[in-house]
Amino acid sequence: MKRPTMILVGLVVGACGGSGGSPLTDGGLGDSTTDGSMIIDAPISMQDVAQGGDASDAASNDASDGPTCGYCSTLTTTPSFCSDFDSEMTPSDWDTTTTTMGGTVAIESTQYVSCPHGLEVTLPMFTNVAPENVADAIVSKTITTTATVTQVSITLEAYLPANDTKSYVVYFGAHMTGMQDTGVYFTHHADSSWWVTQNGFGLNFGLMEAPLTGAWNQMTLTFGFGQNATVTLQYTGADNMVHTATGMGNTGAGSMSTTIDVGMIADGTTEAAFTAYYDNVVVQLTM
């Protein structure tokens, strides 16, 4: 099922805040912590993204053209990593698949953006579970470079579950290999809000407009490394507008080995069983 192309121009917003939970989902900052900075950018449309010519360019296809098959092979610029899940029965182009506490990861052929496959991840409902018991349903890819990475950009198509309203869930992000607490992740928190979380170093900012759920939308998470690094998330909001939430903070030093995580991670209790889908994951590392 191909997602519709969004061409509406949206407001661009940034917001700051935090909520309780484990370091995995909110950076260990506790309630009401802010990163102390916001940036308001210029409006942007999905057409602008599609014509941009970089790693985030063509993950959106014109609905009138029909679905693209084998998306990664259509890119004119070779990214650091690309996975469209279209030519394998398991996510074999990823290094590891991690499933715990009943989580599942599978290639499937009913929800996708580029045919014939997408990635389906699920987590069961579980209650009365200690917060340190983490449920995983993720694929991970480690990319080693010849120089220190200064910026990471992840563009993907995401179908977020509409029934995650009060659970801590991580949906995708990246970290220095072997140091997950250094990672920047897109997360949902138990106070019904969505966040970009920089684990371990204190950057945590919320989305003023909730993302689109129960439907496909393109998302791009970009962050640099350093004491005053900029972190941005471009996404389609529940209002069907395109938003860019931006924050600044200390994201730590870069590394020559970066790990990308795609899928769901939850700790403590989940209010329901969750299913998310992913397609056309494009990673661009800048040295």
C-alpha atoms as a PDB file:
ATOM      1  CA  MET A   1       0.000   0.000   0.000  1.00  0.00           C
ATOM      2  CA  LYS A   2       1.708   3.148  -1.189  1.00  0.00           C
ATOM      3  CA  ARG A   3       1.429   6.248   0.970  1.00  0.00           C
ATOM      4  CA  PRO A   4      -0.014   9.416  -0.602  1.00  0.00           C
ATOM      5  CA  THR A   5       2.422  12.196  -1.434  1.00  0.00           C
ATOM      6  CA  MET A   6       2.061  15.232   0.810  1.00  0.00           C
ATOM      7  CA  ILE A   7       2.497  18.594  -0.921  1.00  0.00           C
ATOM      8  CA  LEU A   8       0.991  20.917   1.672  1.00  0.00           C
ATOM      9  CA  VAL A   9       3.186  23.593   3.173  1.00  0.00           C
ATOM     10  CA  GLY A  10       3.263  23.442   6.965  1.00  0.00           C
ATOM     11  CA  LEU A  11       4.324  25.623   9.839  1.00  0.00           C
ATOM     12  CA  VAL A  12       7.772  24.908  11.185  1.00  0.00           C
ATOM     13  CA  VAL A  13       7.945  24.638  14.933  1.00  0.00           C
ATOM     14  CA  GLY A  14      10.309  23.829  17.779  1.00  0.00           C
ATOM     15  CA  ALA A  15       9.399  23.073  21.374  1.00  0.00           C
ATOM     16  CA  CYS A  16      11.264  22.136  24.523  1.00  0.00           C
ATOM     17  CA  GLY A  17      10.385  19.913  27.428  1.00  0.00           C
ATOM     18  CA  GLY A  18      10.732  16.490  28.965  1.00  0.00           C
ATOM     19  CA  SER A  19       8.991  13.702  30.781  1.00  0.00           C
ATOM     20  CA  GLY A  20       9.908  10.971  33.180  1.00  0.00           C
ATOM     21  CA  GLY A  21      11.132   7.542  32.248  1.00  0.00           C
ATOM     22  CA  SER A  22      14.348   5.635  31.646  1.00  0.00           C
ATOM     23  CA  PRO A  23      17.474   7.091  30.046  1.00  0.00           C
ATOM     24  CA  LEU A  24      16.585   5.112  26.927  1.00  0.00           C
ATOM     25  CA  THR A  25      13.483   7.179  26.235  1.00  0.00           C
ATOM     26  CA  ASP A  26      14.135  10.650  27.598  1.00  0.00           C
ATOM     27  CA  GLY A  27      17.843  11.028  28.209  1.00  0.00           C
ATOM     28  CA  GLY A  28      17.480  10.439  31.935  1.00  0.00           C
ATOM     29  CA  LEU A  29      16.478  14.041  32.444  1.00  0.00           C
ATOM     30  CA  GLY A  30      13.331  13.589  34.535  1.00  0.00           C
ATOM     31  CA  ASP A  31      10.168  15.689  34.371  1.00  0.00           C
ATOM     32  CA  SER A  32      10.004  19.179  32.926  1.00  0.00           C
ATOM     33  CA  THR A  33      13.619  19.338  31.751  1.00  0.00           C
ATOM     34  CA  THR A  34      14.328  21.541  28.736  1.00  0.00           C
ATOM     35  CA  ASP A  35      17.241  21.808  26.362  1.00  0.00           C
ATOM     36  CA  GLY A  36      17.088  25.603  26.624  1.00  0.00           C
ATOM     37  CA  SER A  37      16.950  26.494  22.948  1.00  0.00           C
ATOM     38  CA  MET A  38      14.579  26.621  20.004  1.00  0.00           C
ATOM     39  CA  ILE A  39      15.047  27.492  16.345  1.00  0.00           C
ATOM     40  CA  ILE A  40      12.249  28.582  14.018  1.00  0.00           C
ATOM     41  CA  ASP A  41      12.987  27.732  10.389  1.00  0.00           C
ATOM     42  CA  ALA A  42      11.350  28.646   7.088  1.00  0.00           C
ATOM     43  CA  PRO A  43       8.259  26.746   5.877  1.00  0.00           C
ATOM     44  CA  ILE A  44       8.880  23.715   3.717  1.00  0.00           C
ATOM     45  CA  SER A  45       6.793  21.371   1.579  1.00  0.00           C
ATOM     46  CA  MET A  46       7.238  17.741   0.610  1.00  0.00           C
ATOM     47  CA  GLN A  47       7.805  18.904  -2.977  1.00  0.00           C
ATOM     48  CA  ASP A  48      10.804  20.902  -1.744  1.00  0.00           C
ATOM     49  CA  VAL A  49      12.168  17.770  -0.079  1.00  0.00           C
ATOM     50  CA  ALA A  50      11.641  15.599  -3.134  1.00  0.00           C
ATOM     51  CA  GLN A  51      13.506  18.095  -5.340  1.00  0.00           C
ATOM     52  CA  GLY A  52      16.350  18.686  -2.898  1.00  0.00           C
ATOM     53  CA  GLY A  53      18.786  16.251  -4.505  1.00  0.00           C
ATOM     54  CA  ASP A  54      20.321  14.889  -1.279  1.00  0.00           C
ATOM     55  CA  ALA A  55      19.783  11.810   0.899  1.00  0.00           C
ATOM     56  CA  SER A  56      16.263  12.969   1.694  1.00  0.00           C
ATOM     57  CA  ASP A  57      15.265  13.628  -1.891  1.00  0.00           C
ATOM     58  CA  ALA A  58      13.141  10.931  -3.473  1.00  0.00           C
ATOM     59  CA  ALA A  59      11.586   8.841  -0.714  1.00  0.00           C
ATOM     60  CA  SER A  60       8.284  10.488  -1.669  1.00  0.00           C
ATOM     61  CA  ASN A  61       6.777   9.321  -4.982  1.00  0.00           C
ATOM     62  CA  ASP A  62       4.020  10.982  -6.962  1.00  0.00           C
ATOM     63  CA  ALA A  63       0.873   8.888  -6.381  1.00  0.00           C
ATOM     64  CA  SER A  64      -0.052   9.222 -10.054  1.00  0.00           C
ATOM     65  CA  ASP A  65       3.182   7.467 -11.044  1.00  0.00           C
ATOM     66  CA  GLY A  66       2.386   4.334  -9.052  1.00  0.00           C
ATOM     67  CA  PRO A  67       4.698   2.727  -6.494  1.00  0.00           C
ATOM     68  CA  THR A  68       8.430   2.503  -7.079  1.00  0.00           C
ATOM     69  CA  CYS A  69       9.972  -0.954  -6.752  1.00  0.00           C
ATOM     70  CA  GLY A  70      13.511  -1.406  -5.493  1.00  0.00           C
ATOM     71  CA  TYR A  71      13.757   2.174  -4.260  1.00  0.00           C
ATOM     72  CA  CYS A  72      17.453   2.131  -3.364  1.00  0.00           C
ATOM     73  CA  SER A  73      18.441   1.259  -6.934  1.00  0.00           C
ATOM     74  CA  THR A  74      16.706   4.426  -8.183  1.00  0.00           C
ATOM     75  CA  LEU A  75      18.890   6.825  -6.183  1.00  0.00           C
ATOM     76  CA  THR A  76      21.263   8.841  -8.352  1.00  0.00           C
ATOM     77  CA  THR A  77      23.580   9.671  -5.439  1.00  0.00           C
ATOM     78  CA  THR A  78      24.939   6.763  -3.405  1.00  0.00           C
ATOM     79  CA  PRO A  79      24.176   7.252   0.305  1.00  0.00           C
ATOM     80  CA  SER A  80      26.153   5.815   3.189  1.00  0.00           C
ATOM     81  CA  PHE A  81      23.461   3.141   3.565  1.00  0.00           C
ATOM     82  CA  CYS A  82      20.086   2.419   1.994  1.00  0.00           C
ATOM     83  CA  SER A  83      17.535  -0.288   2.776  1.00  0.00           C
ATOM     84  CA  ASP A  84      14.202  -0.654   0.964  1.00  0.00           C
ATOM     85  CA  PHE A  85      13.442  -4.240   2.144  1.00  0.00           C
ATOM     86  CA  ASP A  86      12.351  -5.086  -1.402  1.00  0.00           C
ATOM     87  CA  SER A  87      14.731  -7.849  -2.481  1.00  0.00           C
ATOM     88  CA  GLU A  88      14.946 -10.070   0.599  1.00  0.00           C
ATOM     89  CA  MET A  89      12.707 -12.186   2.784  1.00  0.00           C
ATOM     90  CA  THR A  90      14.554 -11.159   5.962  1.00  0.00           C
ATOM     91  CA  PRO A  91      16.272  -7.820   6.740  1.00  0.00           C
ATOM     92  CA  SER A  92      19.596  -9.274   5.584  1.00  0.00           C
ATOM     93  CA  ASP A  93      21.184  -5.935   4.681  1.00  0.00           C
ATOM     94  CA  TRP A  94      21.077  -4.999   8.388  1.00  0.00           C
ATOM     95  CA  ASP A  95      23.724  -6.341  10.763  1.00  0.00           C
ATOM     96  CA  THR A  96      21.479  -7.458  13.607  1.00  0.00           C
ATOM     97  CA  THR A  97      17.825  -8.032  14.399  1.00  0.00           C
ATOM     98  CA  THR A  98      16.925  -7.772  18.088  1.00  0.00           C
ATOM     99  CA  THR A  99      13.629  -9.006  19.539  1.00  0.00           C
ATOM    100  CA  THR A 100      12.882  -9.373  23.254  1.00  0.00           C
ATOM    101  CA  MET A 101       9.782  -9.787  25.440  1.00  0.00           C
ATOM    102  CA  GLY A 102       7.603 -10.862  22.525  1.00  0.00           C
ATOM    103  CA  GLY A 103       8.673  -8.228  20.005  1.00  0.00           C
ATOM    104  CA  THR A 104       8.783  -9.278  16.333  1.00  0.00           C
ATOM    105  CA  VAL A 105      10.499  -8.071  13.160  1.00  0.00           C
ATOM    106  CA  ALA A 106       9.473  -9.273   9.694  1.00  0.00           C
ATOM    107  CA  ILE A 107       9.525  -8.371   6.014  1.00  0.00           C
ATOM    108  CA  GLU A 108       5.934  -8.029   4.832  1.00  0.00           C
ATOM    109  CA  SER A 109       4.061  -7.227   1.619  1.00  0.00           C
ATOM    110  CA  THR A 110       0.838  -5.459   2.677  1.00  0.00           C
ATOM    111  CA  GLN A 111       2.234  -2.130   3.922  1.00  0.00           C
ATOM    112  CA  TYR A 112       5.030  -0.513   1.947  1.00  0.00           C
ATOM    113  CA  VAL A 113       5.989   2.616   0.021  1.00  0.00           C
ATOM    114  CA  SER A 114       8.283   0.993  -2.536  1.00  0.00           C
ATOM    115  CA  CYS A 115       7.085  -2.406  -3.705  1.00  0.00           C
ATOM    116  CA  PRO A 116       6.986  -5.209  -2.966  1.00  0.00           C
ATOM    117  CA  HIS A 117       8.011  -5.141   0.717  1.00  0.00           C
ATOM    118  CA  GLY A 118       8.282  -3.077   3.872  1.00  0.00           C
ATOM    119  CA  LEU A 119       9.465  -3.791   7.407  1.00  0.00           C
ATOM    120  CA  GLU A 120       6.886  -4.681  10.079  1.00  0.00           C
ATOM    121  CA  VAL A 121       7.777  -4.469  13.768  1.00  0.00           C
ATOM    122  CA  THR A 122       5.467  -5.335  16.665  1.00  0.00           C
ATOM    123  CA  LEU A 123       5.471  -5.145  20.435  1.00  0.00           C
ATOM    124  CA  PRO A 124       2.908  -6.922  22.632  1.00  0.00           C
ATOM    125  CA  MET A 125       0.941  -5.300  25.418  1.00  0.00           C
ATOM    126  CA  PHE A 126       2.636  -5.939  28.744  1.00  0.00           C
ATOM    127  CA  THR A 127       1.794  -4.695  32.227  1.00  0.00           C
ATOM    128  CA  ASN A 128       3.353  -4.830  35.692  1.00  0.00           C
ATOM    129  CA  VAL A 129       6.814  -4.976  34.178  1.00  0.00           C
ATOM    130  CA  ALA A 130       9.822  -3.391  35.861  1.00  0.00           C
ATOM    131  CA  PRO A 131      11.080  -0.324  33.975  1.00  0.00           C
ATOM    132  CA  GLU A 132      14.504  -1.878  33.478  1.00  0.00           C
ATOM    133  CA  ASN A 133      12.937  -4.687  31.416  1.00  0.00           C
ATOM    134  CA  VAL A 134      13.207  -3.330  27.882  1.00  0.00           C
ATOM    135  CA  ALA A 135      11.211  -4.770  24.983  1.00  0.00           C
ATOM    136  CA  ASP A 136      12.947  -4.588  21.593  1.00  0.00           C
ATOM    137  CA  ALA A 137      11.848  -5.064  18.008  1.00  0.00           C
ATOM    138  CA  ILE A 138      14.589  -3.419  15.976  1.00  0.00           C
ATOM    139  CA  VAL A 139      17.058  -3.825  13.151  1.00  0.00           C
ATOM    140  CA  SER A 140      20.508  -2.249  13.486  1.00  0.00           C
ATOM    141  CA  LYS A 141      23.222  -1.315  11.002  1.00  0.00           C
ATOM    142  CA  THR A 142      26.767  -0.312  11.940  1.00  0.00           C
ATOM    143  CA  ILE A 143      28.586   1.904   9.444  1.00  0.00           C
ATOM    144  CA  THR A 144      32.358   2.323   9.810  1.00  0.00           C
ATOM    145  CA  THR A 145      34.053   5.278   8.133  1.00  0.00           C
ATOM    146  CA  THR A 146      37.655   6.312   7.574  1.00  0.00           C
ATOM    147  CA  ALA A 147      37.188   9.630   9.384  1.00  0.00           C
ATOM    148  CA  THR A 148      35.187  10.944  12.329  1.00  0.00           C
ATOM    149  CA  VAL A 149      31.514  11.469  11.534  1.00  0.00           C
ATOM    150  CA  THR A 150      30.359  15.059  12.108  1.00  0.00           C
ATOM    151  CA  GLN A 151      26.716  14.685  11.067  1.00  0.00           C
ATOM    152  CA  VAL A 152      24.129  11.917  10.717  1.00  0.00           C
ATOM    153  CA  SER A 153      20.998  12.155   8.562  1.00  0.00           C
ATOM    154  CA  ILE A 154      18.330   9.422   8.510  1.00  0.00           C
ATOM    155  CA  THR A 155      15.439   9.695   6.056  1.00  0.00           C
ATOM    156  CA  LEU A 156      12.780   6.996   6.133  1.00  0.00           C
ATOM    157  CA  GLU A 157       9.126   6.275   5.576  1.00  0.00           C
ATOM    158  CA  ALA A 158       7.366   5.492   8.860  1.00  0.00           C
ATOM    159  CA  TYR A 159       3.882   4.196   9.623  1.00  0.00           C
ATOM    160  CA  LEU A 160       3.498   4.970  13.324  1.00  0.00           C
ATOM    161  CA  PRO A 161       0.859   3.179  15.435  1.00  0.00           C
ATOM    162  CA  ALA A 162      -2.142   5.357  16.243  1.00  0.00           C
ATOM    163  CA  ASN A 163      -2.776   3.585  19.562  1.00  0.00           C
ATOM    164  CA  ASP A 164       0.463   4.675  21.284  1.00  0.00           C
ATOM    165  CA  THR A 165      -0.990   7.414  23.475  1.00  0.00           C
ATOM    166  CA  LYS A 166       0.735   6.961  26.836  1.00  0.00           C
ATOM    167  CA  SER A 167       3.660   4.566  26.518  1.00  0.00           C
ATOM    168  CA  TYR A 168       7.413   5.123  26.322  1.00  0.00           C
ATOM    169  CA  VAL A 169       8.471   3.982  22.848  1.00  0.00           C
ATOM    170  CA  VAL A 170      11.578   4.683  20.767  1.00  0.00           C
ATOM    171  CA  TYR A 171      10.981   4.514  16.989  1.00  0.00           C
ATOM    172  CA  PHE A 172      14.339   5.147  15.304  1.00  0.00           C
ATOM    173  CA  GLY A 173      17.661   6.905  15.713  1.00  0.00           C
ATOM    174  CA  ALA A 174      21.424   6.507  15.742  1.00  0.00           C
ATOM    175  CA  HIS A 175      24.275   6.316  18.224  1.00  0.00           C
ATOM    176  CA  MET A 176      28.023   5.893  18.388  1.00  0.00           C
ATOM    177  CA  THR A 177      28.647   2.156  18.130  1.00  0.00           C
ATOM    178  CA  GLY A 178      28.772   0.474  21.507  1.00  0.00           C
ATOM    179  CA  MET A 179      27.470   3.596  23.273  1.00  0.00           C
ATOM    180  CA  GLN A 180      23.668   3.609  22.961  1.00  0.00           C
ATOM    181  CA  ASP A 181      23.286   6.392  25.519  1.00  0.00           C
ATOM    182  CA  THR A 182      24.989   8.777  23.061  1.00  0.00           C
ATOM    183  CA  GLY A 183      22.193   8.307  20.541  1.00  0.00           C
ATOM    184  CA  VAL A 184      19.630  10.741  19.154  1.00  0.00           C
ATOM    185  CA  TYR A 185      16.176   9.159  18.831  1.00  0.00           C
ATOM    186  CA  PHE A 186      12.603   9.944  17.834  1.00  0.00           C
ATOM    187  CA  THR A 187      10.438   8.904  20.801  1.00  0.00           C
ATOM    188  CA  HIS A 188       6.961   8.930  22.300  1.00  0.00           C
ATOM    189  CA  HIS A 189       6.596   9.597  26.030  1.00  0.00           C
ATOM    190  CA  ALA A 190       4.020   8.655  28.650  1.00  0.00           C
ATOM    191  CA  ASP A 191       2.607  12.181  28.798  1.00  0.00           C
ATOM    192  CA  SER A 192       1.050  11.737  25.322  1.00  0.00           C
ATOM    193  CA  SER A 193       3.753  13.828  23.633  1.00  0.00           C
ATOM    194  CA  TRP A 194       6.392  13.167  20.988  1.00  0.00           C
ATOM    195  CA  TRP A 195      10.057  14.055  21.414  1.00  0.00           C
ATOM    196  CA  VAL A 196      13.509  14.075  19.918  1.00  0.00           C
ATOM    197  CA  THR A 197      15.763  12.734  22.667  1.00  0.00           C
ATOM    198  CA  GLN A 198      19.540  12.911  22.919  1.00  0.00           C
ATOM    199  CA  ASN A 199      20.457  10.278  25.470  1.00  0.00           C
ATOM    200  CA  GLY A 200      23.119  10.992  28.033  1.00  0.00           C
ATOM    201  CA  PHE A 201      23.972  14.586  27.191  1.00  0.00           C
ATOM    202  CA  GLY A 202      20.810  16.517  28.051  1.00  0.00           C
ATOM    203  CA  LEU A 203      19.142  17.491  24.786  1.00  0.00           C
ATOM    204  CA  ASN A 204      15.402  16.791  24.799  1.00  0.00           C
ATOM    205  CA  PHE A 205      12.807  18.727  22.819  1.00  0.00           C
ATOM    206  CA  GLY A 206       9.166  18.089  22.081  1.00  0.00           C
ATOM    207  CA  LEU A 207       7.090  18.386  18.915  1.00  0.00           C
ATOM    208  CA  MET A 208       4.463  21.117  19.069  1.00  0.00           C
ATOM    209  CA  GLU A 209       2.387  19.251  16.463  1.00  0.00           C
ATOM    210  CA  ALA A 210       1.994  15.472  16.805  1.00  0.00           C
ATOM    211  CA  PRO A 211       3.228  13.415  13.832  1.00  0.00           C
ATOM    212  CA  LEU A 212       0.901  11.643  11.459  1.00  0.00           C
ATOM    213  CA  THR A 213      -0.040   8.209  12.832  1.00  0.00           C
ATOM    214  CA  GLY A 214      -1.866   5.304  11.234  1.00  0.00           C
ATOM    215  CA  ALA A 215      -0.524   6.344   7.820  1.00  0.00           C
ATOM    216  CA  TRP A 216       2.784   6.603   5.977  1.00  0.00           C
ATOM    217  CA  ASN A 217       4.839   9.750   6.248  1.00  0.00           C
ATOM    218  CA  GLN A 218       8.408  10.635   5.430  1.00  0.00           C
ATOM    219  CA  MET A 219      10.602  11.635   8.366  1.00  0.00           C
ATOM    220  CA  THR A 220      14.155  12.992   8.403  1.00  0.00           C
ATOM    221  CA  LEU A 221      16.259  13.113  11.570  1.00  0.00           C
ATOM    222  CA  THR A 222      19.498  15.082  11.222  1.00  0.00           C
ATOM    223  CA  PHE A 223      22.008  15.864  13.938  1.00  0.00           C
ATOM    224  CA  GLY A 224      25.579  16.986  14.262  1.00  0.00           C
ATOM    225  CA  PHE A 225      28.114  16.296  16.967  1.00  0.00           C
ATOM    226  CA  GLY A 226      29.528  18.896  19.314  1.00  0.00           C
ATOM    227  CA  GLN A 227      28.791  21.151  22.279  1.00  0.00           C
ATOM    228  CA  ASN A 228      26.242  23.307  20.427  1.00  0.00           C
ATOM    229  CA  ALA A 229      25.069  20.836  17.827  1.00  0.00           C
ATOM    230  CA  THR A 230      21.811  21.320  15.941  1.00  0.00           C
ATOM    231  CA  VAL A 231      19.272  18.473  15.899  1.00  0.00           C
ATOM    232  CA  THR A 232      16.253  18.598  13.559  1.00  0.00           C
ATOM    233  CA  LEU A 233      13.303  16.360  12.798  1.00  0.00           C
ATOM    234  CA  GLN A 234      11.274  16.972   9.652  1.00  0.00           C
ATOM    235  CA  TYR A 235       7.954  15.130   9.606  1.00  0.00           C
ATOM    236  CA  THR A 236       4.331  15.201   8.508  1.00  0.00           C
ATOM    237  CA  GLY A 237       2.061  16.357  11.327  1.00  0.00           C
ATOM    238  CA  ALA A 238      -1.369  15.107  12.273  1.00  0.00           C
ATOM    239  CA  ASP A 239      -2.614  18.304  10.594  1.00  0.00           C
ATOM    240  CA  ASN A 240      -1.168  17.000   7.269  1.00  0.00           C
ATOM    241  CA  MET A 241       1.342  19.846   7.236  1.00  0.00           C
ATOM    242  CA  VAL A 242       5.113  19.381   7.079  1.00  0.00           C
ATOM    243  CA  HIS A 243       6.916  20.552  10.228  1.00  0.00           C
ATOM    244  CA  THR A 244      10.528  20.876  11.293  1.00  0.00           C
ATOM    245  CA  ALA A 245      11.256  20.760  15.009  1.00  0.00           C
ATOM    246  CA  THR A 246      14.744  21.937  15.939  1.00  0.00           C
ATOM    247  CA  GLY A 247      16.819  22.029  19.122  1.00  0.00           C
ATOM    248  CA  MET A 248      20.436  22.621  20.083  1.00  0.00           C
ATOM    249  CA  GLY A 249      22.598  20.980  22.704  1.00  0.00           C
ATOM    250  CA  ASN A 250      25.662  18.940  23.552  1.00  0.00           C
ATOM    251  CA  THR A 251      25.572  15.721  21.532  1.00  0.00           C
ATOM    252  CA  GLY A 252      29.074  14.592  22.410  1.00  0.00           C
ATOM    253  CA  ALA A 253      31.997  13.779  20.159  1.00  0.00           C
ATOM    254  CA  GLY A 254      31.679  12.020  16.851  1.00  0.00           C
ATOM    255  CA  SER A 255      33.035   8.584  16.025  1.00  0.00           C
ATOM    256  CA  MET A 256      34.265   6.543  13.074  1.00  0.00           C
ATOM    257  CA  SER A 257      31.606   3.910  13.820  1.00  0.00           C
ATOM    258  CA  THR A 258      27.905   4.778  13.855  1.00  0.00           C
ATOM    259  CA  THR A 259      24.989   2.422  14.506  1.00  0.00           C
ATOM    260  CA  ILE A 260      21.518   3.050  13.060  1.00  0.00           C
ATOM    261  CA  ASP A 261      18.495   1.586  14.885  1.00  0.00           C
ATOM    262  CA  VAL A 262      15.068   1.264  13.230  1.00  0.00           C
ATOM    263  CA  GLY A 263      12.093  -0.260  15.020  1.00  0.00           C
ATOM    264  CA  MET A 264      10.441  -0.011  18.426  1.00  0.00           C
ATOM    265  CA  ILE A 265      11.980  -0.116  21.895  1.00  0.00           C
ATOM    266  CA  ALA A 266       9.769   0.187  24.991  1.00  0.00           C
ATOM    267  CA  ASP A 267      10.373  -0.045  28.712  1.00  0.00           C
ATOM    268  CA  GLY A 268       8.054  -0.588  31.646  1.00  0.00           C
ATOM    269  CA  THR A 269       4.411  -0.938  30.611  1.00  0.00           C
ATOM    270  CA  THR A 270       2.733  -0.669  27.211  1.00  0.00           C
ATOM    271  CA  GLU A 271      -0.939   0.241  27.025  1.00  0.00           C
ATOM    272  CA  ALA A 272      -1.622  -1.964  23.985  1.00  0.00           C
ATOM    273  CA  ALA A 273       0.037  -4.075  21.330  1.00  0.00           C
ATOM    274  CA  PHE A 274       1.823  -1.806  18.845  1.00  0.00           C
ATOM    275  CA  THR A 275       2.598  -2.310  15.156  1.00  0.00           C
ATOM    276  CA  ALA A 276       4.816   0.033  13.144  1.00  0.00           C
ATOM    277  CA  TYR A 277       6.026  -0.169   9.546  1.00  0.00           C
ATOM    278  CA  TYR A 278       9.153   1.217   7.883  1.00  0.00           C
ATOM    279  CA  ASP A 279      10.397   1.544   4.327  1.00  0.00           C
ATOM    280  CA  ASN A 280      13.123   3.233   2.267  1.00  0.00           C
ATOM    281  CA  VAL A 281      15.658   3.939   4.997  1.00  0.00           C
ATOM    282  CA  VAL A 282      18.401   6.233   3.687  1.00  0.00           C
ATOM    283  CA  VAL A 283      21.411   7.161   5.847  1.00  0.00           C
ATOM    284  CA  GLN A 284      23.928   9.833   4.964  1.00  0.00           C
ATOM    285  CA  LEU A 285      27.001  10.347   7.127  1.00  0.00           C
ATOM    286  CA  THR A 286      29.112  13.496   6.814  1.00  0.00           C
ATOM    287  CA  MET A 287      32.782  13.489   7.815  1.00  0.00           C
END
